[in-house]
Amino acid sequence: MTTRARLHLHVYAPALTTDDGRPLAAVEGMERALPGLRLAWRVSEAGRPIALPEREAWLAESITDGEFGLLCNGDEGYPVTMDGRRESAISSPGGEPLLLVHAKLPQDDAVVAAARDMLENVAEGVRARWGVVAPGPVRLVIAAQTGPKSGGPEHPPHGLPMLKLPWHIRSPRHPQYLGWINYWSTAAAEALGFPDPSRDAELLARARRTESGGWVVSLTDAPLDLDKPAHLEALKRAYERFPEIGGRAET
């Protein structure tokens, strides 16, 4: 039996506060982007879905220690999940605590078609600094790029650049890595020097401005597949264009 391919959404935003409404904004943003999606179940310790008739109240109660609970769509045959995790100050760029919103979805035609809207809605809803959508295999490559760390590869795969560990990146405005689709807030885009019309024609052809003034930028039309030479080259060009990503321009 083959394993279903998965898309991962990761969005980094300022840490949650008491009575913070951003978790609900993230959940509703996902639902608006993907017709028919309803994240109205929590996940039990045994991994089974449990219906949440009062989802908003449950979300508010689940905001503890800067996190919010794991939600799903209740369909174990087609699982979609989302949660919010606290990234501590000592493990985050610039020494500022963060909220990491993570969602995982099947990589099928409907999800791929909605991926840009999902990223934009979630990122704008939580007032994110930056975020990405990336296929599962690309997530593994990102992990291999990030270091140095004990037991990690001496050189990243595919000739890609080494990225600093998050706590070694000084500016919280600098994204830690690139994905297939990338969200950059106004502050992140300014820190990257994007857009530069003379240098970014290729990226601008797959980019759109968000309501808040940020950007959603796709590196390729189809989900990033690093076994495809054209996709790998697109990723390498983007890393070369933005040395600030991953703290590589910091000395």
C-alpha atoms as a PDB file:
ATOM      1  CA  MET A   1       0.000   0.000   0.000  1.00  0.00           C
ATOM      2  CA  THR A   2       1.400   3.401  -0.941  1.00  0.00           C
ATOM      3  CA  THR A   3       1.484   6.337   1.446  1.00  0.00           C
ATOM      4  CA  ARG A   4      -0.591   9.340   0.421  1.00  0.00           C
ATOM      5  CA  ALA A   5       1.539  12.394  -0.404  1.00  0.00           C
ATOM      6  CA  ARG A   6       1.092  15.258   2.043  1.00  0.00           C
ATOM      7  CA  LEU A   7       1.381  19.046   1.900  1.00  0.00           C
ATOM      8  CA  HIS A   8       2.586  20.883   4.989  1.00  0.00           C
ATOM      9  CA  LEU A   9       1.696  24.465   5.869  1.00  0.00           C
ATOM     10  CA  HIS A  10       3.941  26.257   8.380  1.00  0.00           C
ATOM     11  CA  VAL A  11       3.290  29.860   9.416  1.00  0.00           C
ATOM     12  CA  TYR A  12       5.347  31.822  11.954  1.00  0.00           C
ATOM     13  CA  ALA A  13       3.638  34.650  13.831  1.00  0.00           C
ATOM     14  CA  PRO A  14       4.029  36.659  17.053  1.00  0.00           C
ATOM     15  CA  ALA A  15       3.339  34.616  20.167  1.00  0.00           C
ATOM     16  CA  LEU A  16      -0.238  34.158  21.374  1.00  0.00           C
ATOM     17  CA  THR A  17      -1.622  36.275  24.184  1.00  0.00           C
ATOM     18  CA  THR A  18      -4.544  35.798  26.554  1.00  0.00           C
ATOM     19  CA  ASP A  19      -7.947  35.968  24.791  1.00  0.00           C
ATOM     20  CA  ASP A  20      -6.184  35.900  21.420  1.00  0.00           C
ATOM     21  CA  GLY A  21      -8.598  35.400  18.519  1.00  0.00           C
ATOM     22  CA  ARG A  22      -5.968  34.401  15.969  1.00  0.00           C
ATOM     23  CA  PRO A  23      -6.371  30.609  16.313  1.00  0.00           C
ATOM     24  CA  LEU A  24      -9.982  30.876  15.173  1.00  0.00           C
ATOM     25  CA  ALA A  25      -8.898  33.182  12.327  1.00  0.00           C
ATOM     26  CA  ALA A  26      -6.373  30.562  11.190  1.00  0.00           C
ATOM     27  CA  VAL A  27      -8.933  27.755  11.262  1.00  0.00           C
ATOM     28  CA  GLU A  28     -11.610  29.748   9.460  1.00  0.00           C
ATOM     29  CA  GLY A  29      -9.055  30.912   6.896  1.00  0.00           C
ATOM     30  CA  MET A  30      -8.252  27.306   6.015  1.00  0.00           C
ATOM     31  CA  GLU A  31     -11.936  26.495   5.680  1.00  0.00           C
ATOM     32  CA  ARG A  32     -12.598  29.456   3.369  1.00  0.00           C
ATOM     33  CA  ALA A  33      -9.795  28.352   1.069  1.00  0.00           C
ATOM     34  CA  LEU A  34     -10.815  24.702   0.728  1.00  0.00           C
ATOM     35  CA  PRO A  35     -14.543  24.221  -0.037  1.00  0.00           C
ATOM     36  CA  GLY A  36     -16.151  21.577   2.130  1.00  0.00           C
ATOM     37  CA  LEU A  37     -13.433  21.581   4.793  1.00  0.00           C
ATOM     38  CA  ARG A  38     -14.649  21.747   8.396  1.00  0.00           C
ATOM     39  CA  LEU A  39     -12.081  21.545  11.206  1.00  0.00           C
ATOM     40  CA  ALA A  40     -14.553  20.826  13.998  1.00  0.00           C
ATOM     41  CA  TRP A  41     -13.061  17.776  15.704  1.00  0.00           C
ATOM     42  CA  ARG A  42     -10.270  17.464  18.237  1.00  0.00           C
ATOM     43  CA  VAL A  43      -7.895  14.510  18.278  1.00  0.00           C
ATOM     44  CA  SER A  44      -7.925  12.171  21.260  1.00  0.00           C
ATOM     45  CA  GLU A  45      -4.791  10.783  22.899  1.00  0.00           C
ATOM     46  CA  ALA A  46      -5.484   7.590  20.948  1.00  0.00           C
ATOM     47  CA  GLY A  47      -5.531   9.599  17.707  1.00  0.00           C
ATOM     48  CA  ARG A  48      -9.285   9.389  17.080  1.00  0.00           C
ATOM     49  CA  PRO A  49     -11.475  12.383  16.130  1.00  0.00           C
ATOM     50  CA  ILE A  50     -13.926  13.726  18.724  1.00  0.00           C
ATOM     51  CA  ALA A  51     -16.602  16.187  17.600  1.00  0.00           C
ATOM     52  CA  LEU A  52     -16.450  19.758  18.939  1.00  0.00           C
ATOM     53  CA  PRO A  53     -19.964  21.288  18.912  1.00  0.00           C
ATOM     54  CA  GLU A  54     -18.531  24.380  20.655  1.00  0.00           C
ATOM     55  CA  ARG A  55     -15.331  24.763  18.678  1.00  0.00           C
ATOM     56  CA  GLU A  56     -14.762  28.457  19.353  1.00  0.00           C
ATOM     57  CA  ALA A  57     -15.046  27.976  23.112  1.00  0.00           C
ATOM     58  CA  TRP A  58     -12.779  24.917  22.980  1.00  0.00           C
ATOM     59  CA  LEU A  59     -10.161  26.832  21.002  1.00  0.00           C
ATOM     60  CA  ALA A  60     -10.223  29.689  23.512  1.00  0.00           C
ATOM     61  CA  GLU A  61      -9.822  27.249  26.400  1.00  0.00           C
ATOM     62  CA  SER A  62      -7.003  25.394  24.632  1.00  0.00           C
ATOM     63  CA  ILE A  63      -4.763  28.475  24.446  1.00  0.00           C
ATOM     64  CA  THR A  64      -2.275  27.530  27.131  1.00  0.00           C
ATOM     65  CA  ASP A  65       1.444  28.258  27.177  1.00  0.00           C
ATOM     66  CA  GLY A  66       1.134  30.066  23.838  1.00  0.00           C
ATOM     67  CA  GLU A  67      -0.324  27.085  21.953  1.00  0.00           C
ATOM     68  CA  PHE A  68      -3.702  25.893  20.675  1.00  0.00           C
ATOM     69  CA  GLY A  69      -5.015  22.369  20.388  1.00  0.00           C
ATOM     70  CA  LEU A  70      -4.933  19.934  17.492  1.00  0.00           C
ATOM     71  CA  LEU A  71      -8.011  20.098  15.265  1.00  0.00           C
ATOM     72  CA  CYS A  72      -8.979  17.810  12.412  1.00  0.00           C
ATOM     73  CA  ASN A  73     -11.708  17.328   9.827  1.00  0.00           C
ATOM     74  CA  GLY A  74     -13.035  14.118  11.389  1.00  0.00           C
ATOM     75  CA  ASP A  75     -12.278  11.998   8.312  1.00  0.00           C
ATOM     76  CA  GLU A  76      -9.687   9.325   9.083  1.00  0.00           C
ATOM     77  CA  GLY A  77      -9.590   8.341   5.411  1.00  0.00           C
ATOM     78  CA  TYR A  78      -8.794  11.897   4.298  1.00  0.00           C
ATOM     79  CA  PRO A  79      -7.140  13.536   7.311  1.00  0.00           C
ATOM     80  CA  VAL A  80      -6.593  17.294   7.547  1.00  0.00           C
ATOM     81  CA  THR A  81      -5.077  18.615  10.774  1.00  0.00           C
ATOM     82  CA  MET A  82      -4.075  21.981  12.237  1.00  0.00           C
ATOM     83  CA  ASP A  83      -2.574  23.094  15.514  1.00  0.00           C
ATOM     84  CA  GLY A  84      -0.569  25.942  17.015  1.00  0.00           C
ATOM     85  CA  ARG A  85       2.737  25.427  18.772  1.00  0.00           C
ATOM     86  CA  ARG A  86       4.821  27.780  20.887  1.00  0.00           C
ATOM     87  CA  GLU A  87       8.395  28.381  19.759  1.00  0.00           C
ATOM     88  CA  SER A  88      10.323  29.668  22.792  1.00  0.00           C
ATOM     89  CA  ALA A  89      12.416  32.835  22.724  1.00  0.00           C
ATOM     90  CA  ILE A  90      15.673  30.917  23.130  1.00  0.00           C
ATOM     91  CA  SER A  91      14.918  28.763  20.080  1.00  0.00           C
ATOM     92  CA  SER A  92      13.596  31.524  17.780  1.00  0.00           C
ATOM     93  CA  PRO A  93      15.236  34.133  15.528  1.00  0.00           C
ATOM     94  CA  GLY A  94      15.978  37.387  17.316  1.00  0.00           C
ATOM     95  CA  GLY A  95      15.173  35.870  20.701  1.00  0.00           C
ATOM     96  CA  GLU A  96      11.422  36.494  20.331  1.00  0.00           C
ATOM     97  CA  PRO A  97       8.855  33.765  21.113  1.00  0.00           C
ATOM     98  CA  LEU A  98       6.681  32.725  18.190  1.00  0.00           C
ATOM     99  CA  LEU A  99       3.455  30.960  17.339  1.00  0.00           C
ATOM    100  CA  LEU A 100       3.977  28.217  14.756  1.00  0.00           C
ATOM    101  CA  VAL A 101       0.746  27.238  13.000  1.00  0.00           C
ATOM    102  CA  HIS A 102       1.098  23.840  11.342  1.00  0.00           C
ATOM    103  CA  ALA A 103      -1.409  22.170   9.040  1.00  0.00           C
ATOM    104  CA  LYS A 104      -1.082  18.901   7.144  1.00  0.00           C
ATOM    105  CA  LEU A 105      -3.253  17.905   4.185  1.00  0.00           C
ATOM    106  CA  PRO A 106      -3.416  15.316   1.403  1.00  0.00           C
ATOM    107  CA  GLN A 107      -1.555  16.502  -1.700  1.00  0.00           C
ATOM    108  CA  ASP A 108      -4.386  16.049  -4.176  1.00  0.00           C
ATOM    109  CA  ASP A 109      -5.692  18.279  -6.954  1.00  0.00           C
ATOM    110  CA  ALA A 110      -8.181  20.146  -4.748  1.00  0.00           C
ATOM    111  CA  VAL A 111      -5.617  20.955  -2.055  1.00  0.00           C
ATOM    112  CA  VAL A 112      -2.940  21.931  -4.576  1.00  0.00           C
ATOM    113  CA  ALA A 113      -5.405  24.299  -6.271  1.00  0.00           C
ATOM    114  CA  ALA A 114      -6.282  25.899  -2.919  1.00  0.00           C
ATOM    115  CA  ALA A 115      -2.752  25.998  -1.470  1.00  0.00           C
ATOM    116  CA  ARG A 116      -2.023  29.657  -2.205  1.00  0.00           C
ATOM    117  CA  ASP A 117      -5.311  30.788  -0.694  1.00  0.00           C
ATOM    118  CA  MET A 118      -4.783  28.569   2.354  1.00  0.00           C
ATOM    119  CA  LEU A 119      -1.358  30.026   3.040  1.00  0.00           C
ATOM    120  CA  GLU A 120      -2.508  33.594   2.510  1.00  0.00           C
ATOM    121  CA  ASN A 121      -5.636  33.232   4.650  1.00  0.00           C
ATOM    122  CA  VAL A 122      -3.859  31.571   7.551  1.00  0.00           C
ATOM    123  CA  ALA A 123      -0.854  33.893   7.450  1.00  0.00           C
ATOM    124  CA  GLU A 124      -2.928  37.051   7.252  1.00  0.00           C
ATOM    125  CA  GLY A 125      -5.308  35.751   9.923  1.00  0.00           C
ATOM    126  CA  VAL A 126      -2.541  35.258  12.492  1.00  0.00           C
ATOM    127  CA  ARG A 127      -0.554  38.340  11.376  1.00  0.00           C
ATOM    128  CA  ALA A 128       2.373  36.138  10.434  1.00  0.00           C
ATOM    129  CA  ARG A 129       5.906  37.246   9.744  1.00  0.00           C
ATOM    130  CA  TRP A 130       6.414  34.533   7.134  1.00  0.00           C
ATOM    131  CA  GLY A 131       5.276  31.063   6.161  1.00  0.00           C
ATOM    132  CA  VAL A 132       5.463  28.305   3.567  1.00  0.00           C
ATOM    133  CA  VAL A 133       3.589  25.437   1.966  1.00  0.00           C
ATOM    134  CA  ALA A 134       5.854  22.517   1.060  1.00  0.00           C
ATOM    135  CA  PRO A 135       5.452  18.834   0.129  1.00  0.00           C
ATOM    136  CA  GLY A 136       6.613  16.273   2.673  1.00  0.00           C
ATOM    137  CA  PRO A 137       9.860  15.346   0.836  1.00  0.00           C
ATOM    138  CA  VAL A 138      10.849  19.032   0.668  1.00  0.00           C
ATOM    139  CA  ARG A 139      10.321  19.289   4.427  1.00  0.00           C
ATOM    140  CA  LEU A 140      12.891  16.513   4.875  1.00  0.00           C
ATOM    141  CA  VAL A 141      15.377  18.392   2.686  1.00  0.00           C
ATOM    142  CA  ILE A 142      14.835  21.587   4.715  1.00  0.00           C
ATOM    143  CA  ALA A 143      15.637  19.649   7.878  1.00  0.00           C
ATOM    144  CA  ALA A 144      18.825  18.340   6.261  1.00  0.00           C
ATOM    145  CA  GLN A 145      19.797  21.870   5.186  1.00  0.00           C
ATOM    146  CA  THR A 146      19.469  23.293   8.692  1.00  0.00           C
ATOM    147  CA  GLY A 147      22.539  23.052  10.892  1.00  0.00           C
ATOM    148  CA  PRO A 148      25.127  22.346  11.908  1.00  0.00           C
ATOM    149  CA  LYS A 149      23.648  19.836  14.298  1.00  0.00           C
ATOM    150  CA  SER A 150      24.817  16.621  15.878  1.00  0.00           C
ATOM    151  CA  GLY A 151      24.415  13.715  13.498  1.00  0.00           C
ATOM    152  CA  GLY A 152      23.396  15.960  10.604  1.00  0.00           C
ATOM    153  CA  PRO A 153      24.872  15.779   7.101  1.00  0.00           C
ATOM    154  CA  GLU A 154      28.131  17.582   6.474  1.00  0.00           C
ATOM    155  CA  HIS A 155      26.698  19.098   3.296  1.00  0.00           C
ATOM    156  CA  PRO A 156      23.016  19.651   2.441  1.00  0.00           C
ATOM    157  CA  PRO A 157      21.489  17.483  -0.299  1.00  0.00           C
ATOM    158  CA  HIS A 158      21.075  18.541  -3.938  1.00  0.00           C
ATOM    159  CA  GLY A 159      23.791  21.207  -3.655  1.00  0.00           C
ATOM    160  CA  LEU A 160      21.468  23.467  -1.665  1.00  0.00           C
ATOM    161  CA  PRO A 161      22.874  25.964   0.859  1.00  0.00           C
ATOM    162  CA  MET A 162      23.261  25.306   4.553  1.00  0.00           C
ATOM    163  CA  LEU A 163      20.780  27.269   6.673  1.00  0.00           C
ATOM    164  CA  LYS A 164      21.424  28.453  10.209  1.00  0.00           C
ATOM    165  CA  LEU A 165      19.567  26.978  13.144  1.00  0.00           C
ATOM    166  CA  PRO A 166      16.699  29.329  14.087  1.00  0.00           C
ATOM    167  CA  TRP A 167      18.306  30.569  17.311  1.00  0.00           C
ATOM    168  CA  HIS A 168      21.412  31.598  15.360  1.00  0.00           C
ATOM    169  CA  ILE A 169      19.389  33.912  13.062  1.00  0.00           C
ATOM    170  CA  ARG A 170      19.507  37.428  14.474  1.00  0.00           C
ATOM    171  CA  SER A 171      16.586  39.067  12.677  1.00  0.00           C
ATOM    172  CA  PRO A 172      13.037  37.791  13.258  1.00  0.00           C
ATOM    173  CA  ARG A 173      12.132  39.367   9.917  1.00  0.00           C
ATOM    174  CA  HIS A 174      14.261  36.877   7.973  1.00  0.00           C
ATOM    175  CA  PRO A 175      12.506  33.650   6.920  1.00  0.00           C
ATOM    176  CA  GLN A 176      14.298  30.511   8.024  1.00  0.00           C
ATOM    177  CA  TYR A 177      13.849  28.628   4.731  1.00  0.00           C
ATOM    178  CA  LEU A 178      12.007  28.495   1.404  1.00  0.00           C
ATOM    179  CA  GLY A 179       9.089  26.287   0.413  1.00  0.00           C
ATOM    180  CA  TRP A 180       7.032  25.708  -2.701  1.00  0.00           C
ATOM    181  CA  ILE A 181       4.728  28.649  -1.873  1.00  0.00           C
ATOM    182  CA  ASN A 182       6.078  31.378   0.394  1.00  0.00           C
ATOM    183  CA  TYR A 183       4.322  34.063   2.426  1.00  0.00           C
ATOM    184  CA  TRP A 184       6.346  37.153   3.322  1.00  0.00           C
ATOM    185  CA  SER A 185       4.825  39.916   5.445  1.00  0.00           C
ATOM    186  CA  THR A 186       5.517  43.523   4.521  1.00  0.00           C
ATOM    187  CA  ALA A 187       8.403  43.564   7.004  1.00  0.00           C
ATOM    188  CA  ALA A 188       9.859  40.285   5.711  1.00  0.00           C
ATOM    189  CA  ALA A 189       9.604  41.386   2.076  1.00  0.00           C
ATOM    190  CA  GLU A 190      11.352  44.667   2.921  1.00  0.00           C
ATOM    191  CA  ALA A 191      14.109  42.778   4.745  1.00  0.00           C
ATOM    192  CA  LEU A 192      14.584  40.586   1.667  1.00  0.00           C
ATOM    193  CA  GLY A 193      14.501  43.504  -0.756  1.00  0.00           C
ATOM    194  CA  PHE A 194      11.497  42.037  -2.567  1.00  0.00           C
ATOM    195  CA  PRO A 195      10.280  42.929  -5.079  1.00  0.00           C
ATOM    196  CA  ASP A 196      13.093  44.317  -7.215  1.00  0.00           C
ATOM    197  CA  PRO A 197      11.585  44.640 -10.717  1.00  0.00           C
ATOM    198  CA  SER A 198      15.016  44.329 -12.306  1.00  0.00           C
ATOM    199  CA  ARG A 199      15.763  41.007 -10.560  1.00  0.00           C
ATOM    200  CA  ASP A 200      12.443  39.422  -9.697  1.00  0.00           C
ATOM    201  CA  ALA A 201      10.536  39.117 -12.968  1.00  0.00           C
ATOM    202  CA  GLU A 202      10.393  35.314 -12.709  1.00  0.00           C
ATOM    203  CA  LEU A 203       9.131  35.388  -9.119  1.00  0.00           C
ATOM    204  CA  LEU A 204       6.690  38.219  -9.748  1.00  0.00           C
ATOM    205  CA  ALA A 205       5.071  36.150 -12.503  1.00  0.00           C
ATOM    206  CA  ARG A 206       3.982  33.735  -9.729  1.00  0.00           C
ATOM    207  CA  ALA A 207       3.423  36.308  -6.961  1.00  0.00           C
ATOM    208  CA  ARG A 208       0.482  38.281  -5.655  1.00  0.00           C
ATOM    209  CA  ARG A 209       0.115  41.046  -3.091  1.00  0.00           C
ATOM    210  CA  THR A 210      -1.969  40.421   0.018  1.00  0.00           C
ATOM    211  CA  GLU A 211      -4.468  42.750   1.637  1.00  0.00           C
ATOM    212  CA  SER A 212      -2.000  43.609   4.418  1.00  0.00           C
ATOM    213  CA  GLY A 213       0.758  44.469   1.933  1.00  0.00           C
ATOM    214  CA  GLY A 214       2.640  41.194   2.140  1.00  0.00           C
ATOM    215  CA  TRP A 215       3.358  38.763  -0.672  1.00  0.00           C
ATOM    216  CA  VAL A 216       2.527  35.184  -1.638  1.00  0.00           C
ATOM    217  CA  VAL A 217       5.266  33.867  -3.940  1.00  0.00           C
ATOM    218  CA  SER A 218       5.328  30.458  -5.655  1.00  0.00           C
ATOM    219  CA  LEU A 219       8.645  29.101  -6.918  1.00  0.00           C
ATOM    220  CA  THR A 220       7.014  26.708  -9.406  1.00  0.00           C
ATOM    221  CA  ASP A 221       3.545  26.185 -10.821  1.00  0.00           C
ATOM    222  CA  ALA A 222       3.246  22.589  -9.592  1.00  0.00           C
ATOM    223  CA  PRO A 223       4.260  21.437  -6.101  1.00  0.00           C
ATOM    224  CA  LEU A 224       8.017  21.582  -5.673  1.00  0.00           C
ATOM    225  CA  ASP A 225       9.653  18.273  -6.635  1.00  0.00           C
ATOM    226  CA  LEU A 226      13.428  18.302  -6.183  1.00  0.00           C
ATOM    227  CA  ASP A 227      13.840  15.252  -8.410  1.00  0.00           C
ATOM    228  CA  LYS A 228      12.860  17.543 -11.293  1.00  0.00           C
ATOM    229  CA  PRO A 229      15.903  19.564 -12.471  1.00  0.00           C
ATOM    230  CA  ALA A 230      13.829  22.655 -13.325  1.00  0.00           C
ATOM    231  CA  HIS A 231      12.281  22.708  -9.833  1.00  0.00           C
ATOM    232  CA  LEU A 232      15.641  22.245  -8.126  1.00  0.00           C
ATOM    233  CA  GLU A 233      17.147  25.075 -10.165  1.00  0.00           C
ATOM    234  CA  ALA A 234      14.220  27.361  -9.287  1.00  0.00           C
ATOM    235  CA  LEU A 235      14.852  26.701  -5.585  1.00  0.00           C
ATOM    236  CA  LYS A 236      18.590  27.299  -5.946  1.00  0.00           C
ATOM    237  CA  ARG A 237      17.973  30.586  -7.793  1.00  0.00           C
ATOM    238  CA  ALA A 238      15.660  31.771  -5.033  1.00  0.00           C
ATOM    239  CA  TYR A 239      18.216  30.986  -2.332  1.00  0.00           C
ATOM    240  CA  GLU A 240      20.872  32.810  -4.359  1.00  0.00           C
ATOM    241  CA  ARG A 241      18.560  35.806  -4.778  1.00  0.00           C
ATOM    242  CA  PHE A 242      17.764  36.025  -1.046  1.00  0.00           C
ATOM    243  CA  PRO A 243      20.909  35.329   1.036  1.00  0.00           C
ATOM    244  CA  GLU A 244      19.077  36.695   4.084  1.00  0.00           C
ATOM    245  CA  ILE A 245      16.934  33.542   4.197  1.00  0.00           C
ATOM    246  CA  GLY A 246      18.309  31.150   6.751  1.00  0.00           C
ATOM    247  CA  GLY A 247      20.579  33.848   8.199  1.00  0.00           C
ATOM    248  CA  ARG A 248      23.198  33.302   5.495  1.00  0.00           C
ATOM    249  CA  ALA A 249      23.867  37.034   4.992  1.00  0.00           C
ATOM    250  CA  GLU A 250      24.464  37.604   8.707  1.00  0.00           C
ATOM    251  CA  THR A 251      28.045  37.679   9.912  1.00  0.00           C
END
